[in-house]
Amino acid sequence: MSALRIFPPTDGGKPVDINDVAEYLTMKEYACDLPAIRKALETAEKEETEILLNTQTRYPERECYKLTITPDKMQAYAKFYAASVGGENMTPQEFVHDLILRGIKCGLKKEEVIKFFQKRRYCEEILVVEGKAPVQGKDAYIEYKFNTDKKARPTLNEDGSVDFFHLNILNHCNKGDVLAVLHPAQPGVAGSTIMGDKIMPAEVKNVTFNYGHNIEKSEDGLTLFSMVDGHVELVDGAIFVSDELSVKNVTFNYGHNIEKSEDGLTLFSMVDGHVELVDGAIFVSDELSVENVDNSTGNIDYDGNVQINGNVSTNFQVKAKGDIMVKGVVEGAVLEAGGNIIITRGMNGMGKGVLRAEGNIVSKFLENVTAEAKGYISSESILHSRISAGGEVNVDGKRGFITGGRVCATGSVNVKILGSEMGADTIIEVGADPAVKERIKQLQQQVNEDMKTLQMVQPILLSTKQKLAQGVRLSDEQIKYVQSLVLANEQKTRALEEANKELHELEEQAGDPADTVVRVKGVVYPGTRICIGDVSMIVQKPSHYCRFVRERGDVKMKPF
């Protein structure tokens, strides 16, 4: 006669799981009456109970285990089951020998195996074998020591006005200046599955310098120097240094609402509006222009550019498919632009103000604001705000401080004063698009959850398949339960494939955090957290004129 005895949990233990019971009985070819077992388990939560399995006499059952190997053959989990009364326990040598017979060649976690046989833990999945993941190498890349962005950027004056005449498009250099540094490729290291199959890392890419006259290369071939005083530029991937400035004759290229003088040397605006330069052509628009955004205008939603000559009051919204230009102050309002947002006198968001721009954001100051730009963000001071930029964050000028809040940038962060003496929580994150970073985190959690579900469902489906092959009939309740597991297996498998595909694409899109840096031109105060990619550090003491970079898997502080 064979019976199953179930005891209530003790010393903080967990009740017996019906899936573990069903799995063991199926594996040992005992009759499995799920409704009866479920009822017995409910009773066993309070008192010891016993359920009859069959009346046949069988030999005592030895200690055994069930091995689950992940689909990628990188991990193997063992779930051990206790011996019956009078049954023998398995030895460590017997277990290891059995793994070898199953084709497992490497990755045995000896400490976990020894730990189990010293203090047995049943009905619990234990990671006993783990493969070695490949170490991905790094592509070679060139670090340019000059501004390679040819886009004209206006200068933000100390009074908050924007100077559209000084566009900062020339990169001056002196004889002996370092122009570029070549960082060689770092090959990866191959990994292996638990079955001994090699997993090769992705091939790394090499790059070489392409440059013209007036440039000298170092002996090791990794650095370029300027041989003359002049200006440097990057043209189609090639570096050029010239000590002459040539100017070509040009003609006016302009649109409507503009009048040319009789001598052809001057252009005049024919309307009130705003002027902009687009691909070398001058345009004057008499599109939407208002004095203030308040109760007199209400919210604004406009297809083109919007110019606000005064202020934007609290709780109002301004949406534009083009640029938004505010010559006054913005309070706790919401501004959304398909182009750039420029605020001459700054913004106090009062904890509810929001700026969103498909282009750049330029503001005298940002206080208690949530600001998101797909381009760069430039300001003289950022106080207790949540900032997110697809490009750089530049905080300079007279004050030039970031205090409190969180500043995230795909590019670098340049600041004069970082943190505060009072220890305000200040977090700086660089190296990946914040939205991409958050999505990667969500997908990683989803993949882990789906894997756990599949590891629980698939063994039950396999045992059921074996049971049916032996001619065992299932009750209606069991059939419905198995059908639900089949549906869950299909859904989770499909979701896992889609999540892994998106995760791979996003990880490539996130880029290399080694290309980013946090520069502090003044002082950084203790308590400030610096995050580059997936690593971070907390500043322990005040430091001056320094920069933070990612080096060998850690954030390091270097001299400026």
Protein backbone atom coordinates (compact mmCIF):
# COMPACT_ATOMS: atom_id res chain seq x y z
CA MET A 1 0.00 0.00 0.00
CA SER A 2 1.33 3.47 -0.94
CA ALA A 3 0.22 6.66 0.79
CA LEU A 4 1.15 10.32 0.76
CA ARG A 5 1.57 11.98 4.19
CA ILE A 6 1.43 15.79 4.33
CA PHE A 7 2.53 17.88 7.34
CA PRO A 8 1.66 21.48 8.26
CA PRO A 9 4.50 24.04 7.72
CA THR A 10 6.78 24.68 10.71
CA ASP A 11 9.43 27.28 11.62
CA GLY A 12 8.18 29.76 9.03
CA GLY A 13 8.01 27.18 6.23
CA LYS A 14 5.61 27.29 3.28
CA PRO A 15 2.63 24.98 2.65
CA VAL A 16 3.13 22.18 0.12
CA ASP A 17 2.43 23.30 -3.47
CA ILE A 18 0.02 21.13 -5.48
CA ASN A 19 2.21 21.49 -8.59
CA ASP A 20 5.17 19.92 -6.76
CA VAL A 21 3.01 17.02 -5.58
CA ALA A 22 1.52 16.43 -9.05
CA GLU A 23 4.95 16.64 -10.67
CA TYR A 24 6.50 14.09 -8.29
CA LEU A 25 3.61 11.60 -8.50
CA THR A 26 3.60 11.79 -12.31
CA MET A 27 7.37 11.30 -12.43
CA LYS A 28 7.07 8.20 -10.19
CA GLU A 29 4.00 6.91 -12.09
CA TYR A 30 1.55 7.08 -9.21
CA ALA A 31 -2.11 7.79 -9.77
CA CYS A 32 -2.69 11.53 -9.45
CA ASP A 33 -6.16 12.53 -8.24
CA LEU A 34 -5.83 16.34 -8.26
CA PRO A 35 -9.15 17.16 -6.49
CA ALA A 36 -8.35 14.72 -3.66
CA ILE A 37 -4.81 16.05 -3.35
CA ARG A 38 -6.02 19.66 -3.31
CA LYS A 39 -8.48 18.84 -0.50
CA ALA A 40 -5.74 17.04 1.47
CA LEU A 41 -3.43 20.06 1.09
CA GLU A 42 -6.10 22.37 2.50
CA THR A 43 -6.47 20.08 5.52
CA ALA A 44 -2.66 19.85 5.94
CA GLU A 45 -2.39 23.58 6.47
CA LYS A 46 -3.75 22.97 9.99
CA GLU A 47 -3.03 19.33 10.80
CA GLU A 48 -1.14 16.29 9.53
CA THR A 49 -3.11 14.29 6.96
CA GLU A 50 -2.61 11.25 4.76
CA ILE A 51 -4.02 10.32 1.35
CA LEU A 52 -4.00 6.79 -0.10
CA LEU A 53 -2.34 6.52 -3.52
CA ASN A 54 -2.83 2.81 -4.30
CA THR A 55 -3.02 -0.58 -2.62
CA GLN A 56 -0.06 -2.08 -4.45
CA THR A 57 3.18 -2.84 -2.61
CA ARG A 58 6.17 -0.92 -3.98
CA TYR A 59 9.80 -0.63 -3.00
CA PRO A 60 10.81 2.48 -1.01
CA GLU A 61 11.50 5.50 -3.22
CA ARG A 62 15.07 6.84 -3.29
CA GLU A 63 15.83 10.53 -3.07
CA CYS A 64 15.53 11.97 -6.61
CA TYR A 65 15.50 15.20 -8.52
CA LYS A 66 14.08 16.87 -11.61
CA LEU A 67 16.46 18.85 -13.84
CA THR A 68 15.26 21.83 -15.88
CA ILE A 69 17.58 23.28 -18.54
CA THR A 70 16.80 26.78 -19.86
CA PRO A 71 16.13 27.09 -23.63
CA ASP A 72 19.44 28.91 -24.18
CA LYS A 73 21.32 26.06 -22.43
CA MET A 74 22.98 28.57 -20.08
CA GLN A 75 21.45 27.39 -16.81
CA ALA A 76 20.21 24.19 -15.21
CA TYR A 77 17.95 24.07 -12.14
CA ALA A 78 17.52 20.99 -9.94
CA LYS A 79 14.43 20.39 -7.82
CA PHE A 80 15.05 17.62 -5.27
CA TYR A 81 12.42 15.31 -3.75
CA ALA A 82 12.91 13.51 -0.43
CA ALA A 83 13.21 9.75 -0.15
CA SER A 84 10.19 7.82 1.12
CA VAL A 85 10.26 5.93 4.44
CA GLY A 86 13.08 3.38 4.16
CA GLY A 87 14.43 4.95 0.95
CA GLU A 88 18.07 5.90 0.38
CA ASN A 89 19.51 9.38 -0.12
CA MET A 90 21.48 10.33 -3.20
CA THR A 91 25.21 11.06 -2.84
CA PRO A 92 26.93 14.16 -4.30
CA GLN A 93 29.09 11.95 -6.50
CA GLU A 94 26.01 10.18 -7.85
CA PHE A 95 24.35 13.53 -8.64
CA VAL A 96 27.41 14.93 -10.47
CA HIS A 97 27.85 11.70 -12.44
CA ASP A 98 24.20 11.87 -13.48
CA LEU A 99 24.68 15.45 -14.76
CA ILE A 100 27.61 14.27 -16.91
CA LEU A 101 25.45 11.51 -18.38
CA ARG A 102 22.89 14.17 -19.34
CA GLY A 103 25.53 15.88 -21.49
CA ILE A 104 26.48 18.70 -19.11
CA LYS A 105 30.18 19.41 -19.51
CA CYS A 106 30.95 22.62 -17.64
CA GLY A 107 29.64 25.29 -15.29
CA LEU A 108 28.92 23.14 -12.21
CA LYS A 109 28.19 25.36 -9.19
CA LYS A 110 30.04 23.24 -6.64
CA GLU A 111 29.20 25.46 -3.67
CA GLU A 112 25.45 25.22 -4.33
CA VAL A 113 25.63 21.44 -4.75
CA ILE A 114 27.66 20.99 -1.54
CA LYS A 115 25.33 23.38 0.27
CA PHE A 116 22.29 21.25 -0.68
CA PHE A 117 23.82 17.94 0.39
CA GLN A 118 24.91 19.48 3.71
CA LYS A 119 21.46 20.92 4.40
CA ARG A 120 18.80 19.52 2.08
CA ARG A 121 16.05 21.81 0.74
CA TYR A 122 13.30 19.96 -1.10
CA CYS A 123 10.75 21.15 -3.68
CA GLU A 124 12.86 24.26 -4.35
CA GLU A 125 14.59 25.06 -7.63
CA ILE A 126 18.35 25.33 -7.11
CA LEU A 127 20.73 26.69 -9.75
CA VAL A 128 23.29 23.89 -10.01
CA VAL A 129 24.90 24.55 -13.40
CA GLU A 130 25.52 27.88 -15.14
CA GLY A 131 27.25 28.61 -18.45
CA LYS A 132 29.68 31.41 -19.08
CA ALA A 133 28.23 34.37 -20.99
CA PRO A 134 30.50 35.93 -23.62
CA VAL A 135 32.20 39.21 -22.78
CA GLN A 136 31.38 41.62 -25.57
CA GLY A 137 34.24 43.69 -26.94
CA LYS A 138 34.20 47.38 -27.77
CA ASP A 139 34.39 48.95 -31.21
CA ALA A 140 37.22 51.34 -31.92
CA TYR A 141 36.15 54.98 -31.98
CA ILE A 142 37.64 58.42 -32.50
CA GLU A 143 37.26 61.04 -29.78
CA TYR A 144 37.29 64.49 -31.36
CA LYS A 145 38.66 67.28 -29.17
CA PHE A 146 36.73 69.98 -31.02
CA ASN A 147 33.09 70.69 -31.74
CA THR A 148 32.00 68.60 -34.74
CA ASP A 149 28.45 69.96 -34.78
CA LYS A 150 28.25 72.50 -37.62
CA LYS A 151 24.81 73.70 -36.57
CA ALA A 152 24.82 77.34 -35.60
CA ARG A 153 23.92 77.83 -31.93
CA PRO A 154 22.95 81.26 -30.62
CA THR A 155 24.76 82.67 -27.59
CA LEU A 156 22.77 83.12 -24.36
CA ASN A 157 23.70 86.51 -22.87
CA GLU A 158 23.98 87.22 -19.13
CA ASP A 159 20.76 89.30 -19.20
CA GLY A 160 18.84 86.33 -20.59
CA SER A 161 18.63 87.61 -24.16
CA VAL A 162 19.67 85.43 -27.12
CA ASP A 163 22.40 86.68 -29.50
CA PHE A 164 21.68 85.30 -32.98
CA PHE A 165 24.76 86.98 -34.52
CA HIS A 166 27.48 85.11 -32.57
CA LEU A 167 26.78 81.58 -33.80
CA ASN A 168 29.99 79.81 -32.62
CA ILE A 169 30.61 77.92 -35.88
CA LEU A 170 34.47 78.23 -36.01
CA ASN A 171 36.69 75.88 -33.98
CA HIS A 172 39.96 77.70 -33.26
CA CYS A 173 43.10 75.67 -32.53
CA ASN A 174 46.71 76.39 -31.64
CA LYS A 175 49.90 74.69 -32.72
CA GLY A 176 50.38 71.52 -30.65
CA ASP A 177 46.70 71.18 -29.70
CA VAL A 178 45.33 67.62 -29.57
CA LEU A 179 42.67 67.33 -32.27
CA ALA A 180 41.55 63.71 -31.95
CA VAL A 181 42.31 60.52 -30.04
CA LEU A 182 41.84 57.04 -31.47
CA HIS A 183 40.57 54.50 -28.94
CA PRO A 184 41.49 51.04 -30.31
CA ALA A 185 39.00 48.19 -30.47
CA GLN A 186 38.85 45.82 -27.53
CA PRO A 187 38.13 42.22 -28.65
CA GLY A 188 35.58 40.22 -26.68
CA VAL A 189 35.97 36.91 -24.87
CA ALA A 190 34.05 33.78 -25.94
CA GLY A 191 31.61 32.13 -23.53
CA SER A 192 30.13 28.64 -23.44
CA THR A 193 26.86 26.86 -22.69
CA ILE A 194 26.60 24.19 -20.01
CA MET A 195 26.78 21.64 -22.83
CA GLY A 196 30.23 22.94 -23.79
CA ASP A 197 29.12 24.81 -26.94
CA LYS A 198 31.10 27.99 -27.58
CA ILE A 199 29.29 31.36 -27.68
CA MET A 200 31.27 33.85 -29.70
CA PRO A 201 31.09 37.58 -28.93
CA ALA A 202 30.13 40.04 -31.65
CA GLU A 203 32.94 41.13 -33.94
CA VAL A 204 34.43 44.51 -33.10
CA LYS A 205 34.92 47.26 -35.66
CA ASN A 206 38.18 49.09 -36.30
CA VAL A 207 38.52 52.68 -37.49
CA THR A 208 41.44 54.74 -38.78
CA PHE A 209 42.24 58.43 -38.89
CA ASN A 210 41.41 60.37 -42.06
CA TYR A 211 43.05 63.79 -42.13
CA GLY A 212 44.63 66.44 -44.34
CA HIS A 213 47.60 68.86 -44.19
CA ASN A 214 48.88 70.74 -41.11
CA ILE A 215 48.24 67.70 -38.91
CA GLU A 216 50.80 65.40 -37.24
CA LYS A 217 50.22 61.89 -35.85
CA SER A 218 51.83 60.61 -32.62
CA GLU A 219 54.37 57.76 -32.70
CA ASP A 220 51.83 55.24 -31.44
CA GLY A 221 49.37 56.38 -34.11
CA LEU A 222 46.62 57.12 -31.58
CA THR A 223 46.70 60.94 -31.38
CA LEU A 224 46.51 63.78 -33.92
CA PHE A 225 48.09 67.20 -33.23
CA SER A 226 47.74 70.53 -35.01
CA MET A 227 50.99 71.78 -36.59
CA VAL A 228 49.74 75.38 -37.02
CA ASP A 229 47.54 78.03 -35.42
CA GLY A 230 44.24 78.10 -37.27
CA HIS A 231 40.82 76.48 -37.22
CA VAL A 232 39.81 72.82 -37.39
CA GLU A 233 36.73 71.16 -38.91
CA LEU A 234 35.39 67.71 -39.71
CA VAL A 235 34.29 67.21 -43.33
CA ASP A 236 32.78 63.84 -44.36
CA GLY A 237 34.75 62.06 -41.62
CA ALA A 238 38.09 63.73 -42.44
CA ILE A 239 39.86 66.25 -40.15
CA PHE A 240 41.21 69.44 -41.73
CA VAL A 241 43.24 72.27 -40.19
CA SER A 242 43.63 75.56 -42.05
CA ASP A 243 45.54 78.72 -41.12
CA GLU A 244 43.58 80.76 -43.65
CA LEU A 245 39.95 81.90 -43.63
CA SER A 246 38.45 82.20 -47.09
CA VAL A 247 35.16 84.00 -47.64
CA LYS A 248 33.04 83.49 -50.73
CA ASN A 249 30.73 85.99 -52.37
CA VAL A 250 27.12 85.30 -51.49
CA THR A 251 23.72 86.52 -52.58
CA PHE A 252 20.54 86.99 -50.60
CA ASN A 253 18.14 84.07 -50.42
CA TYR A 254 14.86 85.10 -48.79
CA GLY A 255 11.13 84.55 -48.74
CA HIS A 256 7.93 86.60 -48.41
CA ASN A 257 7.42 89.68 -46.15
CA ILE A 258 10.97 90.89 -46.93
CA GLU A 259 12.03 93.94 -49.02
CA LYS A 260 15.46 94.62 -50.53
CA SER A 261 17.03 98.10 -50.68
CA GLU A 262 17.69 99.84 -54.01
CA ASP A 263 21.43 99.10 -53.85
CA GLY A 264 20.65 95.44 -53.14
CA LEU A 265 22.80 95.37 -50.00
CA THR A 266 20.15 95.44 -47.29
CA LEU A 267 17.00 93.45 -46.48
CA PHE A 268 14.09 94.94 -44.52
CA SER A 269 11.14 93.28 -42.82
CA MET A 270 7.80 94.36 -44.25
CA VAL A 271 5.72 93.08 -41.31
CA ASP A 272 5.77 92.69 -37.54
CA GLY A 273 6.84 89.17 -36.76
CA HIS A 274 9.97 87.10 -36.21
CA VAL A 275 12.93 86.25 -38.44
CA GLU A 276 14.76 82.92 -38.84
CA LEU A 277 17.46 81.39 -41.03
CA VAL A 278 16.56 78.03 -42.62
CA ASP A 279 19.14 76.27 -44.82
CA GLY A 280 20.72 79.61 -45.76
CA ALA A 281 17.42 81.38 -46.55
CA ILE A 282 15.94 84.24 -44.49
CA PHE A 283 12.26 84.06 -43.62
CA VAL A 284 10.04 86.57 -41.79
CA SER A 285 6.78 85.26 -40.40
CA ASP A 286 3.82 87.23 -39.11
CA GLU A 287 2.46 84.14 -37.41
CA LEU A 288 0.96 84.05 -33.92
CA SER A 289 2.29 86.71 -31.52
CA VAL A 290 0.66 87.54 -28.16
CA GLU A 291 1.53 89.79 -25.24
CA ASN A 292 0.75 87.41 -22.36
CA VAL A 293 -0.83 84.00 -21.90
CA ASP A 294 -3.42 84.42 -19.17
CA ASN A 295 -7.20 84.78 -18.78
CA SER A 296 -7.26 87.23 -21.70
CA THR A 297 -6.04 84.61 -24.19
CA GLY A 298 -6.69 81.22 -22.57
CA ASN A 299 -4.68 78.21 -23.68
CA ILE A 300 -2.90 78.33 -27.05
CA ASP A 301 -2.67 75.49 -29.57
CA TYR A 302 -1.04 76.65 -32.84
CA ASP A 303 0.28 74.88 -35.96
CA GLY A 304 3.27 77.19 -36.44
CA ASN A 305 5.63 79.24 -34.25
CA VAL A 306 4.37 81.16 -31.19
CA GLN A 307 5.98 84.31 -29.80
CA ILE A 308 4.92 85.55 -26.35
CA ASN A 309 6.17 89.06 -25.67
CA GLY A 310 5.27 88.95 -21.96
CA ASN A 311 4.65 86.16 -19.43
CA VAL A 312 2.88 82.80 -19.24
CA SER A 313 0.72 82.52 -16.12
CA THR A 314 0.16 79.50 -13.88
CA ASN A 315 -2.09 76.61 -15.06
CA PHE A 316 -2.13 77.71 -18.74
CA GLN A 317 -0.91 75.67 -21.71
CA VAL A 318 0.94 76.67 -24.86
CA LYS A 319 1.32 74.11 -27.67
CA ALA A 320 3.03 74.81 -30.98
CA LYS A 321 4.17 72.63 -33.87
CA GLY A 322 7.04 75.06 -34.37
CA ASP A 323 9.12 77.07 -31.87
CA ILE A 324 7.89 78.78 -28.68
CA MET A 325 9.62 82.07 -27.77
CA VAL A 326 8.78 83.67 -24.39
CA LYS A 327 10.37 87.06 -23.68
CA GLY A 328 9.13 87.20 -20.10
CA VAL A 329 8.73 84.66 -17.26
CA VAL A 330 6.91 81.31 -17.30
CA GLU A 331 5.23 80.21 -14.07
CA GLY A 332 3.52 76.86 -13.33
CA ALA A 333 2.43 76.30 -16.94
CA VAL A 334 2.83 73.64 -19.62
CA LEU A 335 4.73 74.41 -22.86
CA GLU A 336 5.00 71.85 -25.67
CA ALA A 337 6.86 72.61 -28.91
CA GLY A 338 7.54 70.67 -32.09
CA GLY A 339 10.71 72.76 -32.36
CA ASN A 340 12.67 74.75 -29.75
CA ILE A 341 11.58 76.48 -26.52
CA ILE A 342 13.38 79.73 -25.59
CA ILE A 343 12.50 81.53 -22.33
CA THR A 344 14.36 84.82 -21.95
CA ARG A 345 13.76 85.42 -18.23
CA GLY A 346 13.41 81.84 -17.02
CA MET A 347 10.75 79.60 -15.47
CA ASN A 348 9.51 78.79 -11.96
CA GLY A 349 7.41 75.67 -12.43
CA MET A 350 6.06 75.65 -8.84
CA GLY A 351 6.30 71.84 -8.95
CA LYS A 352 3.76 71.52 -11.78
CA GLY A 353 5.37 73.38 -14.69
CA VAL A 354 6.35 71.26 -17.70
CA LEU A 355 8.47 71.95 -20.80
CA ARG A 356 8.53 69.48 -23.71
CA ALA A 357 10.46 70.21 -26.92
CA GLU A 358 11.24 68.10 -29.98
CA GLY A 359 14.26 70.38 -30.42
CA ASN A 360 16.23 72.31 -27.77
CA ILE A 361 15.35 74.23 -24.58
CA VAL A 362 17.11 77.50 -23.68
CA SER A 363 16.04 79.28 -20.48
CA LYS A 364 17.58 81.88 -18.14
CA PHE A 365 16.80 79.58 -15.17
CA LEU A 366 14.71 76.48 -14.40
CA GLU A 367 13.24 76.06 -10.92
CA ASN A 368 10.87 73.26 -9.80
CA VAL A 369 10.34 72.31 -13.45
CA THR A 370 9.97 69.09 -15.42
CA ALA A 371 11.78 69.70 -18.73
CA GLU A 372 12.19 67.21 -21.59
CA ALA A 373 14.06 67.98 -24.83
CA LYS A 374 15.14 65.68 -27.64
CA GLY A 375 17.99 68.11 -28.32
CA TYR A 376 20.17 69.97 -25.78
CA ILE A 377 19.09 72.02 -22.72
CA SER A 378 20.92 75.24 -21.83
CA SER A 379 20.40 77.40 -18.73
CA GLU A 380 22.24 79.51 -16.16
CA SER A 381 20.81 77.56 -13.21
CA ILE A 382 18.68 74.50 -12.51
CA LEU A 383 17.07 74.17 -9.08
CA HIS A 384 15.05 71.19 -7.76
CA SER A 385 13.94 70.13 -11.26
CA ARG A 386 13.62 66.95 -13.31
CA ILE A 387 15.55 67.48 -16.54
CA SER A 388 15.83 65.07 -19.49
CA ALA A 389 17.80 65.85 -22.67
CA GLY A 390 18.48 63.75 -25.76
CA GLY A 391 21.68 65.76 -26.22
CA GLU A 392 23.81 67.71 -23.75
CA VAL A 393 22.83 69.75 -20.67
CA ASN A 394 24.88 72.96 -20.37
CA VAL A 395 24.55 75.08 -17.22
CA ASP A 396 26.90 78.08 -17.27
CA GLY A 397 26.85 81.85 -16.96
CA LYS A 398 27.21 83.90 -13.76
CA ARG A 399 25.62 81.32 -11.47
CA GLY A 400 25.90 78.09 -13.42
CA PHE A 401 24.61 75.69 -10.74
CA ILE A 402 22.55 72.51 -10.58
CA THR A 403 21.06 71.97 -7.11
CA GLY A 404 18.56 69.27 -6.16
CA GLY A 405 16.44 67.13 -8.46
CA ARG A 406 17.53 64.84 -11.29
CA VAL A 407 19.27 65.81 -14.52
CA CYS A 408 19.45 63.14 -17.26
CA ALA A 409 21.25 63.54 -20.60
CA THR A 410 22.10 61.19 -23.44
CA GLY A 411 25.15 63.39 -24.03
CA SER A 412 27.37 65.09 -21.49
CA VAL A 413 26.52 67.49 -18.63
CA ASN A 414 28.58 70.68 -18.24
CA VAL A 415 28.09 72.71 -15.07
CA LYS A 416 29.88 75.25 -12.88
CA ILE A 417 28.55 74.29 -9.43
CA LEU A 418 26.99 70.88 -8.73
CA GLY A 419 24.98 70.01 -5.60
CA SER A 420 24.89 72.23 -2.51
CA GLU A 421 26.54 72.71 0.85
CA MET A 422 23.17 71.91 2.50
CA GLY A 423 23.22 68.41 0.95
CA ALA A 424 20.20 68.71 -1.35
CA ASP A 425 19.61 65.40 -3.18
CA THR A 426 21.15 65.95 -6.60
CA ILE A 427 21.36 63.18 -9.22
CA ILE A 428 23.12 63.46 -12.58
CA GLU A 429 22.62 60.70 -15.16
CA VAL A 430 24.40 60.56 -18.54
CA GLY A 431 25.03 57.94 -21.18
CA ALA A 432 21.60 56.84 -22.42
CA ASP A 433 18.28 58.31 -23.47
CA PRO A 434 16.22 58.30 -20.22
CA ALA A 435 13.13 57.00 -22.05
CA VAL A 436 15.15 54.18 -23.66
CA LYS A 437 16.78 53.37 -20.31
CA GLU A 438 13.38 53.06 -18.56
CA ARG A 439 11.99 50.88 -21.38
CA ILE A 440 15.02 48.54 -21.16
CA LYS A 441 14.39 48.16 -17.42
CA GLN A 442 10.70 47.33 -18.04
CA LEU A 443 11.58 44.75 -20.71
CA GLN A 444 14.20 43.07 -18.50
CA GLN A 445 11.61 42.65 -15.74
CA GLN A 446 9.09 41.26 -18.25
CA VAL A 447 11.63 38.75 -19.64
CA ASN A 448 12.45 37.49 -16.12
CA GLU A 449 8.76 37.06 -15.26
CA ASP A 450 7.99 35.26 -18.55
CA MET A 451 10.96 32.91 -18.07
CA LYS A 452 9.78 31.98 -14.57
CA THR A 453 6.28 31.23 -15.88
CA LEU A 454 7.61 29.03 -18.70
CA GLN A 455 9.92 27.16 -16.31
CA MET A 456 6.89 26.35 -14.15
CA VAL A 457 4.43 25.49 -16.97
CA GLN A 458 6.57 23.46 -19.38
CA PRO A 459 7.50 20.61 -16.96
CA ILE A 460 3.81 20.08 -16.12
CA LEU A 461 2.89 19.95 -19.83
CA LEU A 462 5.70 17.46 -20.47
CA SER A 463 4.62 15.18 -17.63
CA THR A 464 0.99 15.37 -18.81
CA LYS A 465 2.09 14.40 -22.33
CA GLN A 466 3.93 11.36 -20.93
CA LYS A 467 0.92 10.46 -18.84
CA LEU A 468 -1.42 10.55 -21.86
CA ALA A 469 1.05 8.44 -23.86
CA GLN A 470 0.74 5.78 -21.12
CA GLY A 471 -3.05 5.74 -21.56
CA VAL A 472 -3.95 7.56 -18.35
CA ARG A 473 -7.34 9.29 -18.55
CA LEU A 474 -7.71 12.85 -17.28
CA SER A 475 -10.75 14.27 -15.54
CA ASP A 476 -12.63 17.25 -17.03
CA GLU A 477 -11.08 19.53 -14.41
CA GLN A 478 -7.59 18.28 -15.28
CA ILE A 479 -8.23 18.80 -19.02
CA LYS A 480 -9.33 22.40 -18.44
CA TYR A 481 -6.27 23.01 -16.28
CA VAL A 482 -3.91 21.61 -18.95
CA GLN A 483 -5.64 23.66 -21.68
CA SER A 484 -5.07 26.83 -19.67
CA LEU A 485 -1.38 25.90 -19.31
CA VAL A 486 -1.02 25.31 -23.07
CA LEU A 487 -2.51 28.75 -23.78
CA ALA A 488 -0.24 30.38 -21.18
CA ASN A 489 2.82 28.62 -22.67
CA GLU A 490 2.02 29.91 -26.19
CA GLN A 491 1.34 33.47 -25.01
CA LYS A 492 4.45 33.70 -22.82
CA THR A 493 6.71 32.16 -25.50
CA ARG A 494 5.49 34.67 -28.08
CA ALA A 495 5.79 37.59 -25.62
CA LEU A 496 9.32 36.48 -24.66
CA GLU A 497 10.47 36.45 -28.30
CA GLU A 498 9.04 39.93 -28.94
CA ALA A 499 10.52 41.36 -25.72
CA ASN A 500 13.99 39.95 -26.45
CA LYS A 501 13.90 41.39 -29.97
CA GLU A 502 12.92 44.86 -28.74
CA LEU A 503 15.46 44.65 -25.89
CA HIS A 504 18.28 43.87 -28.35
CA GLU A 505 17.31 46.84 -30.55
CA LEU A 506 17.11 49.23 -27.57
CA GLU A 507 20.45 48.07 -26.13
CA GLU A 508 22.12 48.88 -29.47
CA GLN A 509 20.32 52.24 -29.55
CA ALA A 510 21.44 53.12 -26.01
CA GLY A 511 25.05 53.53 -27.22
CA ASP A 512 28.30 53.49 -25.30
CA PRO A 513 28.29 55.40 -21.96
CA ALA A 514 32.08 55.73 -22.30
CA ASP A 515 31.46 58.59 -24.77
CA THR A 516 29.79 60.77 -22.10
CA VAL A 517 31.23 62.86 -19.30
CA VAL A 518 30.10 65.15 -16.46
CA ARG A 519 32.27 68.29 -16.34
CA VAL A 520 32.36 70.53 -13.26
CA LYS A 521 34.09 73.87 -13.90
CA GLY A 522 33.72 75.02 -10.28
CA VAL A 523 32.90 72.81 -7.29
CA VAL A 524 30.91 69.61 -6.73
CA TYR A 525 29.52 69.09 -3.21
CA PRO A 526 29.28 65.86 -1.17
CA GLY A 527 26.10 63.79 -1.49
CA THR A 528 25.79 64.36 -5.24
CA ARG A 529 25.16 61.12 -7.17
CA ILE A 530 26.80 60.70 -10.59
CA CYS A 531 25.40 57.94 -12.84
CA ILE A 532 27.05 56.98 -16.15
CA GLY A 533 25.25 54.16 -17.93
CA ASP A 534 24.46 51.49 -15.33
CA VAL A 535 27.12 52.44 -12.76
CA SER A 536 27.16 55.30 -10.25
CA MET A 537 29.09 56.94 -7.44
CA ILE A 538 28.27 59.36 -4.60
CA VAL A 539 30.66 62.27 -4.14
CA GLN A 540 32.21 62.07 -0.66
CA LYS A 541 34.00 65.41 -0.36
CA PRO A 542 34.04 68.80 -2.11
CA SER A 543 36.10 68.75 -5.33
CA HIS A 544 37.05 71.53 -7.73
CA TYR A 545 37.58 71.64 -11.49
CA CYS A 546 36.96 67.98 -12.19
CA ARG A 547 35.19 65.65 -14.56
CA PHE A 548 33.47 62.29 -14.07
CA VAL A 549 33.94 59.49 -16.61
CA ARG A 550 33.20 55.79 -16.84
CA GLU A 551 36.36 53.71 -16.59
CA ARG A 552 36.70 49.93 -16.11
CA GLY A 553 33.09 49.53 -15.04
CA ASP A 554 33.14 52.33 -12.43
CA VAL A 555 32.56 56.07 -12.32
CA LYS A 556 35.88 57.83 -11.79
CA MET A 557 36.67 61.45 -10.93
CA LYS A 558 39.46 62.95 -13.04
CA PRO A 559 41.19 66.34 -13.14
CA PHE A 560 39.44 68.80 -15.39
